[in-house]
Amino acid sequence: MANGILIVDKPAGWTSQDVAAKLRGVFHEKRVGHGGTLDPMATGVLPVFIGRATRAVPFFEHADKVYEAVLRLGLVTDTQDTTGRTLEEHPVDITSEQLEAVLPRFRGEIQQIPPMYSAVKVNGQKLYALARKGQEVDREPRPVTVYELVNQGTVLRLTGQSENRPLIDWRLRVHCSKGTYVRTLCHDIGQALGCGGCMAALRRTRAGRYSIAQAHTLEEILSAPDPETLLLPTDSLFSDRPVCTVNEAGEKKLRNGAAVPAGKLPDGEYRVYGPRGDFLALCAAARGELTTVRSFFDPIRS
């Protein structure tokens, strides 16, 4: 059976759930989950956890992300991206210096109001469900962290012009915490500039420790003679934890849910392997004992 993490380069037009559903058929495995939802219009890094690796999904939920976004100034929509209904249009004459002047207020820990077209729940109802009914409700701002926000210059839009001038979008690089809405960031930057704005494109280039260089397109996955060869091992998620190897007696104890003597190991979390090199569990050492945080061993092996 397939077990591991597949880094997918998600295509535009697919939901994250669409990708997971497709891979259930590819690997003939019901246990498939993704780490970090991408909007349908977005592309890029989508880690997909398969088989026993799905037990690692909760450890990925707080991973930071890196995006390349396109900011379109002068356009305000109900979804805060170019897929939505136009609410406002304004003439734009923004210089790079003007854009640079407002970016610092969106760096560091900021407060963000979740967009109506999002899966955030208010009084038990998802906001997008209310938005589709034409309803808008008050949302509490939430703290998120923008570690890096860089203006990477302009990109010429190939169609249309305004007052005989080419239409220009702006490219942004965003390194942010879990829960950050890049389209809301684009919207808020547009508001700060006084002309409005929205997101015209989004590509995720890194999620946690996984980068776009490790990602495979769906075409590559579907045409691979053996898609299992594309899987990264589950323990790659915990590569920042030190390694601990136990003997056969220790492996047996871990498989039975018992603690193992930690000897002189400093307190902390460890990737724990059996004497045959199998990744058994993420464990915590404390008070001279090694206890399981989450097991990943093959239950078939005795």
Protein backbone atom coordinates (compact mmCIF):
# COMPACT_ATOMS: atom_id res chain seq x y z
CA MET A 1 0.00 0.00 0.00
CA ALA A 2 1.13 3.56 -0.75
CA ASN A 3 2.35 5.62 2.19
CA GLY A 4 4.06 8.98 1.96
CA ILE A 5 3.79 12.62 0.99
CA LEU A 6 3.30 13.74 -2.61
CA ILE A 7 4.12 17.34 -3.46
CA VAL A 8 1.69 18.34 -6.19
CA ASP A 9 1.96 21.40 -8.42
CA LYS A 10 -1.76 22.14 -8.34
CA PRO A 11 -3.17 23.37 -11.64
CA ALA A 12 -5.53 26.32 -11.92
CA GLY A 13 -9.22 25.42 -11.91
CA TRP A 14 -8.85 22.49 -9.52
CA THR A 15 -9.82 22.61 -5.86
CA SER A 16 -7.52 20.99 -3.32
CA GLN A 17 -10.24 18.41 -2.73
CA ASP A 18 -10.38 17.68 -6.47
CA VAL A 19 -6.67 16.82 -6.38
CA ALA A 20 -7.11 14.60 -3.32
CA ALA A 21 -10.03 12.79 -4.95
CA LYS A 22 -8.03 12.19 -8.13
CA LEU A 23 -5.11 10.75 -6.17
CA ARG A 24 -7.37 8.36 -4.27
CA GLY A 25 -7.99 6.70 -7.61
CA VAL A 26 -4.36 6.84 -8.71
CA PHE A 27 -3.05 5.17 -5.54
CA HIS A 28 -6.16 3.05 -4.81
CA GLU A 29 -6.09 4.45 -1.28
CA LYS A 30 -8.99 6.02 0.63
CA ARG A 31 -6.71 7.71 3.16
CA VAL A 32 -5.69 10.85 1.28
CA GLY A 33 -5.55 14.35 2.78
CA HIS A 34 -3.98 17.63 1.74
CA GLY A 35 -2.03 20.16 3.74
CA GLY A 36 -3.19 23.73 3.22
CA THR A 37 -6.09 24.55 0.91
CA LEU A 38 -5.41 26.49 -2.28
CA ASP A 39 -8.17 28.45 -4.03
CA PRO A 40 -9.17 27.04 -7.44
CA MET A 41 -7.49 29.92 -9.30
CA ALA A 42 -4.21 29.36 -7.44
CA THR A 43 -1.40 27.06 -8.55
CA GLY A 44 1.66 25.60 -6.91
CA VAL A 45 2.76 23.59 -3.92
CA LEU A 46 0.09 21.34 -2.44
CA PRO A 47 1.42 18.60 -0.12
CA VAL A 48 -0.85 15.54 -0.25
CA PHE A 49 -0.61 12.93 2.49
CA ILE A 50 -1.32 9.34 1.47
CA GLY A 51 -1.97 6.21 3.52
CA ARG A 52 -0.46 6.19 7.02
CA ALA A 53 1.11 9.56 6.23
CA THR A 54 -2.33 11.15 6.79
CA ARG A 55 -1.56 10.77 10.50
CA ALA A 56 0.99 13.56 10.00
CA VAL A 57 -1.48 16.14 8.62
CA PRO A 58 -2.09 17.83 12.02
CA PHE A 59 1.66 18.49 12.32
CA PHE A 60 1.60 20.41 9.05
CA GLU A 61 -1.36 22.66 9.79
CA HIS A 62 0.72 25.52 11.18
CA ALA A 63 3.33 25.56 8.41
CA ASP A 64 4.27 28.93 6.93
CA LYS A 65 3.83 29.56 3.21
CA VAL A 66 5.53 31.51 0.41
CA TYR A 67 3.53 32.90 -2.51
CA GLU A 68 4.06 34.83 -5.72
CA ALA A 69 1.00 37.01 -6.22
CA VAL A 70 -0.15 39.47 -8.84
CA LEU A 71 -1.81 42.63 -7.51
CA ARG A 72 -4.27 44.36 -9.84
CA LEU A 73 -4.90 47.93 -8.74
CA GLY A 74 -8.06 49.86 -9.62
CA LEU A 75 -10.36 46.84 -9.42
CA VAL A 76 -12.44 45.81 -6.39
CA THR A 77 -14.47 42.57 -6.46
CA ASP A 78 -16.69 40.67 -4.06
CA THR A 79 -14.20 37.77 -3.87
CA GLN A 80 -11.11 40.02 -3.64
CA ASP A 81 -9.73 38.36 -6.78
CA THR A 82 -10.41 38.59 -10.50
CA THR A 83 -12.86 35.66 -10.45
CA GLY A 84 -15.45 37.71 -8.59
CA ARG A 85 -18.12 40.25 -9.42
CA THR A 86 -16.80 43.76 -10.04
CA LEU A 87 -17.84 46.21 -7.33
CA GLU A 88 -15.66 49.20 -8.17
CA GLU A 89 -13.28 50.35 -10.88
CA HIS A 90 -10.92 53.30 -10.52
CA PRO A 91 -8.25 54.95 -12.65
CA VAL A 92 -4.75 54.05 -11.55
CA ASP A 93 -1.60 56.11 -11.61
CA ILE A 94 0.46 54.48 -8.87
CA THR A 95 4.25 54.59 -8.89
CA SER A 96 6.60 52.00 -7.47
CA GLU A 97 7.55 54.51 -4.76
CA GLN A 98 3.91 54.91 -3.73
CA LEU A 99 3.47 51.14 -3.52
CA GLU A 100 6.68 50.76 -1.52
CA ALA A 101 5.46 53.43 0.91
CA VAL A 102 2.40 51.43 2.01
CA LEU A 103 3.93 47.93 2.14
CA PRO A 104 5.57 48.32 5.59
CA ARG A 105 2.17 48.57 7.28
CA PHE A 106 1.37 45.06 6.00
CA ARG A 107 4.55 43.42 7.31
CA GLY A 108 4.93 41.72 10.68
CA GLU A 109 1.93 40.77 12.81
CA ILE A 110 -1.17 42.36 11.33
CA GLN A 111 -4.92 42.08 11.77
CA GLN A 112 -6.84 40.66 8.81
CA ILE A 113 -10.60 40.49 8.33
CA PRO A 114 -11.41 37.16 6.62
CA PRO A 115 -13.10 37.60 3.23
CA MET A 116 -16.74 36.64 2.86
CA TYR A 117 -15.75 34.07 0.23
CA SER A 118 -13.81 31.87 2.65
CA ALA A 119 -14.37 28.73 4.72
CA VAL A 120 -14.17 30.63 8.02
CA LYS A 121 -17.22 29.95 10.17
CA VAL A 122 -19.32 32.60 11.90
CA ASN A 123 -22.03 31.31 14.22
CA GLY A 124 -21.54 27.84 12.80
CA GLN A 125 -21.99 28.88 9.16
CA LYS A 126 -19.27 29.05 6.53
CA LEU A 127 -18.85 32.54 5.17
CA TYR A 128 -18.83 31.46 1.52
CA ALA A 129 -22.25 29.82 1.98
CA LEU A 130 -23.64 33.12 3.25
CA ALA A 131 -21.87 35.09 0.51
CA ARG A 132 -23.45 32.91 -2.18
CA LYS A 133 -26.83 33.89 -0.74
CA GLY A 134 -25.91 37.55 -1.08
CA GLN A 135 -25.42 37.98 2.67
CA GLU A 136 -22.56 39.78 4.39
CA VAL A 137 -21.92 39.51 8.12
CA ASP A 138 -19.51 41.17 10.50
CA ARG A 139 -16.22 39.30 10.87
CA GLU A 140 -13.74 39.68 13.67
CA PRO A 141 -10.20 40.53 12.54
CA ARG A 142 -7.65 37.80 13.13
CA PRO A 143 -3.93 38.10 13.78
CA VAL A 144 -1.65 36.77 11.03
CA THR A 145 2.05 37.30 10.41
CA VAL A 146 3.61 38.49 7.17
CA TYR A 147 7.29 37.66 7.47
CA GLU A 148 8.19 39.12 4.10
CA LEU A 149 6.34 41.27 1.57
CA VAL A 150 8.39 42.31 -1.44
CA ASN A 151 7.48 44.30 -4.52
CA GLN A 152 9.03 42.35 -7.40
CA GLY A 153 8.12 44.87 -10.07
CA THR A 154 5.46 45.17 -12.72
CA VAL A 155 4.04 42.77 -15.23
CA LEU A 156 2.44 44.06 -18.44
CA ARG A 157 -1.10 42.94 -19.04
CA LEU A 158 -1.33 41.83 -22.63
CA THR A 159 -4.89 42.98 -23.30
CA GLY A 160 -6.45 46.38 -23.00
CA GLN A 161 -5.12 49.81 -22.22
CA SER A 162 -6.22 52.76 -20.12
CA GLU A 163 -6.04 56.28 -21.55
CA ASN A 164 -3.61 55.04 -24.21
CA ARG A 165 -1.31 53.63 -21.51
CA PRO A 166 -0.63 49.92 -21.00
CA LEU A 167 -2.36 48.26 -18.10
CA ILE A 168 0.12 47.26 -15.43
CA ASP A 169 -0.11 44.74 -12.60
CA TRP A 170 2.34 44.39 -9.72
CA ARG A 171 4.13 41.23 -8.66
CA LEU A 172 4.47 40.56 -4.93
CA ARG A 173 6.38 37.92 -3.00
CA VAL A 174 4.64 37.03 0.26
CA HIS A 175 6.03 34.87 3.06
CA CYS A 176 3.30 34.48 5.65
CA SER A 177 1.85 32.44 8.47
CA LYS A 178 -1.00 29.96 8.35
CA GLY A 179 -4.37 31.62 7.92
CA THR A 180 -3.17 34.57 5.84
CA TYR A 181 -5.40 35.44 2.89
CA VAL A 182 -3.20 36.84 0.12
CA ARG A 183 -6.23 38.10 -1.80
CA THR A 184 -7.27 40.07 1.29
CA LEU A 185 -3.73 41.43 1.47
CA CYS A 186 -4.09 42.61 -2.15
CA HIS A 187 -7.48 44.14 -1.38
CA ASP A 188 -6.16 45.97 1.68
CA ILE A 189 -3.08 47.29 -0.16
CA GLY A 190 -5.40 48.69 -2.82
CA GLN A 191 -7.49 50.37 -0.13
CA ALA A 192 -4.37 51.88 1.43
CA LEU A 193 -3.39 53.30 -1.98
CA GLY A 194 -6.85 54.80 -2.43
CA CYS A 195 -7.58 53.11 -5.76
CA GLY A 196 -8.71 49.66 -4.64
CA GLY A 197 -7.18 46.40 -5.66
CA CYS A 198 -7.58 42.64 -5.92
CA MET A 199 -5.52 39.53 -6.63
CA ALA A 200 -5.08 38.60 -10.29
CA ALA A 201 -2.95 35.46 -9.86
CA LEU A 202 -1.42 33.37 -7.10
CA ARG A 203 1.27 30.70 -7.08
CA ARG A 204 2.46 28.98 -3.91
CA THR A 205 6.17 28.27 -4.16
CA ARG A 206 6.72 26.82 -0.70
CA ALA A 207 4.63 25.22 2.04
CA GLY A 208 6.54 24.44 5.22
CA ARG A 209 9.73 22.65 4.17
CA TYR A 210 8.38 21.62 0.75
CA SER A 211 9.24 23.73 -2.30
CA ILE A 212 8.05 24.00 -5.88
CA ALA A 213 11.26 22.25 -6.99
CA GLN A 214 9.91 19.08 -5.34
CA ALA A 215 6.45 19.35 -6.91
CA HIS A 216 5.01 17.17 -9.67
CA THR A 217 2.29 18.20 -12.08
CA LEU A 218 -0.80 16.03 -12.36
CA GLU A 219 0.32 15.08 -15.87
CA GLU A 220 3.62 13.77 -14.48
CA ILE A 221 1.83 11.84 -11.75
CA LEU A 222 -0.75 10.30 -14.06
CA SER A 223 1.87 9.27 -16.63
CA ALA A 224 4.37 7.87 -14.13
CA PRO A 225 4.92 4.09 -14.54
CA ASP A 226 4.91 3.78 -10.74
CA PRO A 227 3.50 6.89 -8.99
CA GLU A 228 4.65 5.54 -5.61
CA THR A 229 8.23 6.39 -6.61
CA LEU A 230 7.22 10.07 -6.47
CA LEU A 231 6.28 9.91 -2.80
CA LEU A 232 8.47 11.49 -0.15
CA PRO A 233 8.78 9.50 3.09
CA THR A 234 6.56 10.59 5.96
CA ASP A 235 9.55 11.32 8.18
CA SER A 236 10.61 14.10 5.75
CA LEU A 237 8.05 16.26 7.54
CA PHE A 238 10.03 15.90 10.77
CA SER A 239 13.52 16.35 9.37
CA ASP A 240 14.18 19.17 11.85
CA ARG A 241 13.89 16.71 14.76
CA PRO A 242 16.95 14.71 15.82
CA VAL A 243 17.11 10.96 15.15
CA CYS A 244 16.81 8.26 17.80
CA THR A 245 17.14 4.54 17.06
CA VAL A 246 15.76 1.92 19.43
CA ASN A 247 16.62 -1.79 19.68
CA GLU A 248 14.16 -4.63 19.10
CA ALA A 249 12.95 -4.52 22.70
CA GLY A 250 12.36 -0.79 22.41
CA GLU A 251 10.51 -1.20 19.13
CA LYS A 252 8.25 -3.81 20.68
CA LYS A 253 7.43 -1.46 23.56
CA LEU A 254 6.59 1.40 21.21
CA ARG A 255 4.39 -0.86 19.10
CA ASN A 256 2.53 -1.83 22.26
CA GLY A 257 2.08 1.78 23.34
CA ALA A 258 4.58 1.60 26.18
CA ALA A 259 7.32 4.08 27.07
CA VAL A 260 10.98 3.33 26.34
CA PRO A 261 13.86 4.37 28.60
CA ALA A 262 15.36 7.54 27.11
CA GLY A 263 18.76 7.14 28.70
CA LYS A 264 20.70 10.40 28.47
CA LEU A 265 18.62 11.89 25.66
CA PRO A 266 17.89 15.59 26.25
CA ASP A 267 14.21 16.44 26.59
CA GLY A 268 12.49 17.15 23.28
CA GLU A 269 10.93 15.51 20.23
CA TYR A 270 12.67 12.84 18.17
CA ARG A 271 12.23 10.88 14.98
CA VAL A 272 12.39 7.31 16.25
CA TYR A 273 13.51 4.39 14.07
CA GLY A 274 13.65 0.66 14.67
CA PRO A 275 16.78 -1.50 14.33
CA ARG A 276 15.85 -2.24 10.67
CA GLY A 277 15.65 1.47 9.87
CA ASP A 278 11.86 1.69 9.84
CA PHE A 279 10.39 5.05 10.87
CA LEU A 280 8.28 4.14 13.88
CA ALA A 281 7.05 7.31 15.52
CA LEU A 282 7.47 10.89 16.53
CA CYS A 283 8.32 10.64 20.23
CA ALA A 284 8.93 12.98 23.13
CA ALA A 285 11.73 12.47 25.64
CA ALA A 286 11.02 13.73 29.14
CA ARG A 287 11.94 12.63 32.66
CA GLY A 288 14.07 9.79 31.33
CA GLU A 289 11.33 8.24 29.17
CA LEU A 290 10.57 8.22 25.47
CA THR A 291 6.82 8.29 24.81
CA THR A 292 4.91 8.29 21.54
CA VAL A 293 3.46 11.55 20.23
CA ARG A 294 2.20 9.94 17.01
CA SER A 295 3.00 6.50 15.63
CA PHE A 296 3.63 5.80 11.94
CA PHE A 297 4.77 2.16 11.98
CA ASP A 298 3.31 -0.56 9.81
CA PRO A 299 0.84 -2.34 12.11
CA ILE A 300 1.22 -5.58 10.14
CA ARG A 301 4.78 -6.16 11.28
CA SER A 302 4.92 -7.94 14.65
